[in-house]
């Protein structure tokens, strides 16, 4: 009887919490990879969808101004959209952290909730 109780306690409070933490870590890594947050941070000021023009040969002020303006707008758009996706990725990461905390704590307190449920159930019946 004592052996099965020790096995249950080891499963409830040692083995399964390790698995929960491992799964939680995998979810956090997947989220960062899904939103490409590290890559977006590295390429933050890059052109939007690699849209850029070359200045070409020679110097014409009008052409130089058009190309310069387009390239700046392309970089601003790239930075804006990358910022949006970085923020969405970080917000999703925060939600995954919060959900992981809830699942982990719920698993640890599940035996107490079960015992409390039985106690109040019998209290209501009798």
C-alpha atoms as a PDB file:
ATOM      1  CA  UNK A   1       0.000   0.000   0.000  1.00  0.00           C
ATOM      2  CA  UNK A   2       2.801   2.411   0.841  1.00  0.00           C
ATOM      3  CA  UNK A   3       4.621   1.595  -2.384  1.00  0.00           C
ATOM      4  CA  UNK A   4       1.681   2.564  -4.608  1.00  0.00           C
ATOM      5  CA  UNK A   5       1.141   5.756  -2.590  1.00  0.00           C
ATOM      6  CA  UNK A   6       4.785   6.741  -3.079  1.00  0.00           C
ATOM      7  CA  UNK A   7       4.508   5.973  -6.785  1.00  0.00           C
ATOM      8  CA  UNK A   8       1.385   8.116  -7.057  1.00  0.00           C
ATOM      9  CA  UNK A   9       3.005  11.046  -5.230  1.00  0.00           C
ATOM     10  CA  UNK A  10       6.115  10.786  -7.420  1.00  0.00           C
ATOM     11  CA  UNK A  11       3.932  10.759 -10.534  1.00  0.00           C
ATOM     12  CA  UNK A  12       1.709  13.608  -9.337  1.00  0.00           C
ATOM     13  CA  UNK A  13       4.402  15.941  -8.027  1.00  0.00           C
ATOM     14  CA  UNK A  14       7.638  14.990  -9.844  1.00  0.00           C
ATOM     15  CA  UNK A  15       7.151  13.186 -13.164  1.00  0.00           C
ATOM     16  CA  UNK A  16       4.132  14.981 -14.588  1.00  0.00           C
ATOM     17  CA  UNK A  17       5.248  18.511 -13.579  1.00  0.00           C
ATOM     18  CA  UNK A  18       8.514  17.836 -15.474  1.00  0.00           C
ATOM     19  CA  UNK A  19       6.474  16.838 -18.532  1.00  0.00           C
ATOM     20  CA  UNK A  20       4.238  19.893 -18.180  1.00  0.00           C
ATOM     21  CA  UNK A  21       7.267  22.196 -17.975  1.00  0.00           C
ATOM     22  CA  UNK A  22       8.818  20.486 -21.012  1.00  0.00           C
ATOM     23  CA  UNK A  23       5.632  20.903 -23.033  1.00  0.00           C
ATOM     24  CA  UNK A  24       5.350  24.498 -21.900  1.00  0.00           C
ATOM     25  CA  UNK A  25       8.925  25.178 -23.044  1.00  0.00           C
ATOM     26  CA  UNK A  26       8.125  23.619 -26.439  1.00  0.00           C
ATOM     27  CA  UNK A  27       5.051  25.844 -26.787  1.00  0.00           C
ATOM     28  CA  UNK A  28       7.102  28.940 -25.991  1.00  0.00           C
ATOM     29  CA  UNK A  29       9.780  27.992 -28.546  1.00  0.00           C
ATOM     30  CA  UNK A  30       7.134  27.207 -31.171  1.00  0.00           C
ATOM     31  CA  UNK A  31       5.434  30.551 -30.620  1.00  0.00           C
ATOM     32  CA  UNK A  32       8.673  32.492 -31.128  1.00  0.00           C
ATOM     33  CA  UNK A  33       9.402  30.461 -34.248  1.00  0.00           C
ATOM     34  CA  UNK A  34       5.828  30.812 -35.559  1.00  0.00           C
ATOM     35  CA  UNK A  35       5.871  34.610 -35.301  1.00  0.00           C
ATOM     36  CA  UNK A  36       9.573  34.723 -36.348  1.00  0.00           C
ATOM     37  CA  UNK A  37      10.327  37.236 -33.612  1.00  0.00           C
ATOM     38  CA  UNK A  38      14.148  36.769 -33.614  1.00  0.00           C
ATOM     39  CA  UNK A  39      14.294  37.042 -37.412  1.00  0.00           C
ATOM     40  CA  UNK A  40      12.013  40.080 -37.459  1.00  0.00           C
ATOM     41  CA  UNK A  41      14.200  41.771 -34.852  1.00  0.00           C
ATOM     42  CA  UNK A  42      17.300  41.134 -36.972  1.00  0.00           C
ATOM     43  CA  UNK A  43      15.709  42.458 -40.165  1.00  0.00           C
ATOM     44  CA  UNK A  44      13.608  45.210 -38.598  1.00  0.00           C
ATOM     45  CA  UNK A  45      14.783  48.160 -40.757  1.00  0.00           C
ATOM     46  CA  UNK A  46      14.899  46.118 -43.993  1.00  0.00           C
ATOM     47  CA  UNK A  47      12.831  46.986 -47.067  1.00  0.00           C
ATOM     48  CA  UNK A  48       9.243  45.774 -47.139  1.00  0.00           C
ATOM     49  CA  UNK A  49       9.155  42.575 -49.201  1.00  0.00           C
ATOM     50  CA  UNK A  50      12.541  43.545 -50.619  1.00  0.00           C
ATOM     51  CA  UNK A  51      10.926  46.260 -52.746  1.00  0.00           C
ATOM     52  CA  UNK A  52      13.679  48.692 -53.608  1.00  0.00           C
ATOM     53  CA  UNK A  53      14.954  50.492 -56.641  1.00  0.00           C
ATOM     54  CA  UNK A  54      18.489  51.005 -57.761  1.00  0.00           C
ATOM     55  CA  UNK A  55      19.808  54.493 -58.404  1.00  0.00           C
ATOM     56  CA  UNK A  56      21.248  53.500 -61.756  1.00  0.00           C
ATOM     57  CA  UNK A  57      24.104  55.166 -63.605  1.00  0.00           C
ATOM     58  CA  UNK A  58      24.580  58.853 -63.780  1.00  0.00           C
ATOM     59  CA  UNK A  59      23.004  61.506 -61.657  1.00  0.00           C
ATOM     60  CA  UNK A  60      19.554  62.904 -62.249  1.00  0.00           C
ATOM     61  CA  UNK A  61      18.145  64.748 -59.274  1.00  0.00           C
ATOM     62  CA  UNK A  62      14.529  63.825 -60.044  1.00  0.00           C
ATOM     63  CA  UNK A  63      15.335  60.109 -60.414  1.00  0.00           C
ATOM     64  CA  UNK A  64      17.602  60.174 -57.344  1.00  0.00           C
ATOM     65  CA  UNK A  65      14.834  61.829 -55.283  1.00  0.00           C
ATOM     66  CA  UNK A  66      12.162  59.339 -56.479  1.00  0.00           C
ATOM     67  CA  UNK A  67      14.330  56.305 -55.753  1.00  0.00           C
ATOM     68  CA  UNK A  68      15.434  57.694 -52.380  1.00  0.00           C
ATOM     69  CA  UNK A  69      11.823  58.484 -51.401  1.00  0.00           C
ATOM     70  CA  UNK A  70      10.558  55.057 -52.486  1.00  0.00           C
ATOM     71  CA  UNK A  71      13.351  53.258 -50.622  1.00  0.00           C
ATOM     72  CA  UNK A  72      12.686  55.245 -47.438  1.00  0.00           C
ATOM     73  CA  UNK A  73       8.945  54.544 -47.633  1.00  0.00           C
ATOM     74  CA  UNK A  74       9.683  50.868 -48.224  1.00  0.00           C
ATOM     75  CA  UNK A  75      11.901  50.763 -45.132  1.00  0.00           C
ATOM     76  CA  UNK A  76       9.313  52.593 -43.011  1.00  0.00           C
ATOM     77  CA  UNK A  77       6.610  50.162 -44.142  1.00  0.00           C
ATOM     78  CA  UNK A  78       8.915  47.226 -43.398  1.00  0.00           C
ATOM     79  CA  UNK A  79       9.694  48.528 -39.930  1.00  0.00           C
ATOM     80  CA  UNK A  80       6.008  49.222 -39.233  1.00  0.00           C
ATOM     81  CA  UNK A  81       4.729  45.800 -40.276  1.00  0.00           C
ATOM     82  CA  UNK A  82       7.599  43.999 -38.581  1.00  0.00           C
ATOM     83  CA  UNK A  83       6.856  45.958 -35.396  1.00  0.00           C
ATOM     84  CA  UNK A  84       3.218  44.868 -35.563  1.00  0.00           C
ATOM     85  CA  UNK A  85       4.199  41.209 -35.908  1.00  0.00           C
ATOM     86  CA  UNK A  86       6.818  41.478 -33.162  1.00  0.00           C
ATOM     87  CA  UNK A  87       4.215  42.929 -30.791  1.00  0.00           C
ATOM     88  CA  UNK A  88       1.688  40.225 -31.746  1.00  0.00           C
ATOM     89  CA  UNK A  89       4.323  37.544 -31.148  1.00  0.00           C
ATOM     90  CA  UNK A  90       5.252  38.956 -27.759  1.00  0.00           C
ATOM     91  CA  UNK A  91       1.582  39.263 -26.731  1.00  0.00           C
ATOM     92  CA  UNK A  92       0.993  35.658 -27.759  1.00  0.00           C
ATOM     93  CA  UNK A  93       4.084  34.667 -25.780  1.00  0.00           C
ATOM     94  CA  UNK A  94       2.655  36.398 -22.706  1.00  0.00           C
ATOM     95  CA  UNK A  95      -0.629  34.508 -23.173  1.00  0.00           C
ATOM     96  CA  UNK A  96       1.246  31.204 -23.464  1.00  0.00           C
ATOM     97  CA  UNK A  97       3.174  32.006 -20.258  1.00  0.00           C
ATOM     98  CA  UNK A  98      -0.082  32.833 -18.430  1.00  0.00           C
ATOM     99  CA  UNK A  99      -1.792  29.670 -19.694  1.00  0.00           C
ATOM    100  CA  UNK A 100       1.231  27.606 -18.674  1.00  0.00           C
ATOM    101  CA  UNK A 101       1.185  29.036 -15.159  1.00  0.00           C
ATOM    102  CA  UNK A 102      -2.526  28.244 -14.846  1.00  0.00           C
ATOM    103  CA  UNK A 103      -2.089  24.662 -16.098  1.00  0.00           C
ATOM    104  CA  UNK A 104       0.963  24.039 -13.910  1.00  0.00           C
ATOM    105  CA  UNK A 105      -0.643  25.378 -10.743  1.00  0.00           C
ATOM    106  CA  UNK A 106      -3.932  23.618 -11.487  1.00  0.00           C
ATOM    107  CA  UNK A 107      -2.067  20.325 -11.796  1.00  0.00           C
ATOM    108  CA  UNK A 108      -0.267  20.850  -8.502  1.00  0.00           C
ATOM    109  CA  UNK A 109      -3.451  21.794  -6.618  1.00  0.00           C
ATOM    110  CA  UNK A 110      -5.668  19.186  -8.274  1.00  0.00           C
ATOM    111  CA  UNK A 111      -5.424  16.685  -5.363  1.00  0.00           C
ATOM    112  CA  UNK A 112      -6.452  19.423  -2.914  1.00  0.00           C
ATOM    113  CA  UNK A 113      -9.375  20.414  -5.142  1.00  0.00           C
ATOM    114  CA  UNK A 114     -10.444  16.782  -5.397  1.00  0.00           C
ATOM    115  CA  UNK A 115     -10.276  16.288  -1.623  1.00  0.00           C
ATOM    116  CA  UNK A 116     -12.135  19.555  -1.041  1.00  0.00           C
ATOM    117  CA  UNK A 117     -14.795  18.523  -3.547  1.00  0.00           C
ATOM    118  CA  UNK A 118     -15.356  15.218  -1.766  1.00  0.00           C
ATOM    119  CA  UNK A 119     -15.472  16.971   1.604  1.00  0.00           C
ATOM    120  CA  UNK A 120     -18.055  19.543   0.537  1.00  0.00           C
ATOM    121  CA  UNK A 121     -20.010  16.924  -1.400  1.00  0.00           C
ATOM    122  CA  UNK A 122     -20.387  14.719   1.655  1.00  0.00           C
ATOM    123  CA  UNK A 123     -21.089  17.771   3.791  1.00  0.00           C
ATOM    124  CA  UNK A 124     -24.017  18.682   1.514  1.00  0.00           C
ATOM    125  CA  UNK A 125     -25.318  15.103   1.463  1.00  0.00           C
ATOM    126  CA  UNK A 126     -25.199  14.557   5.202  1.00  0.00           C
END
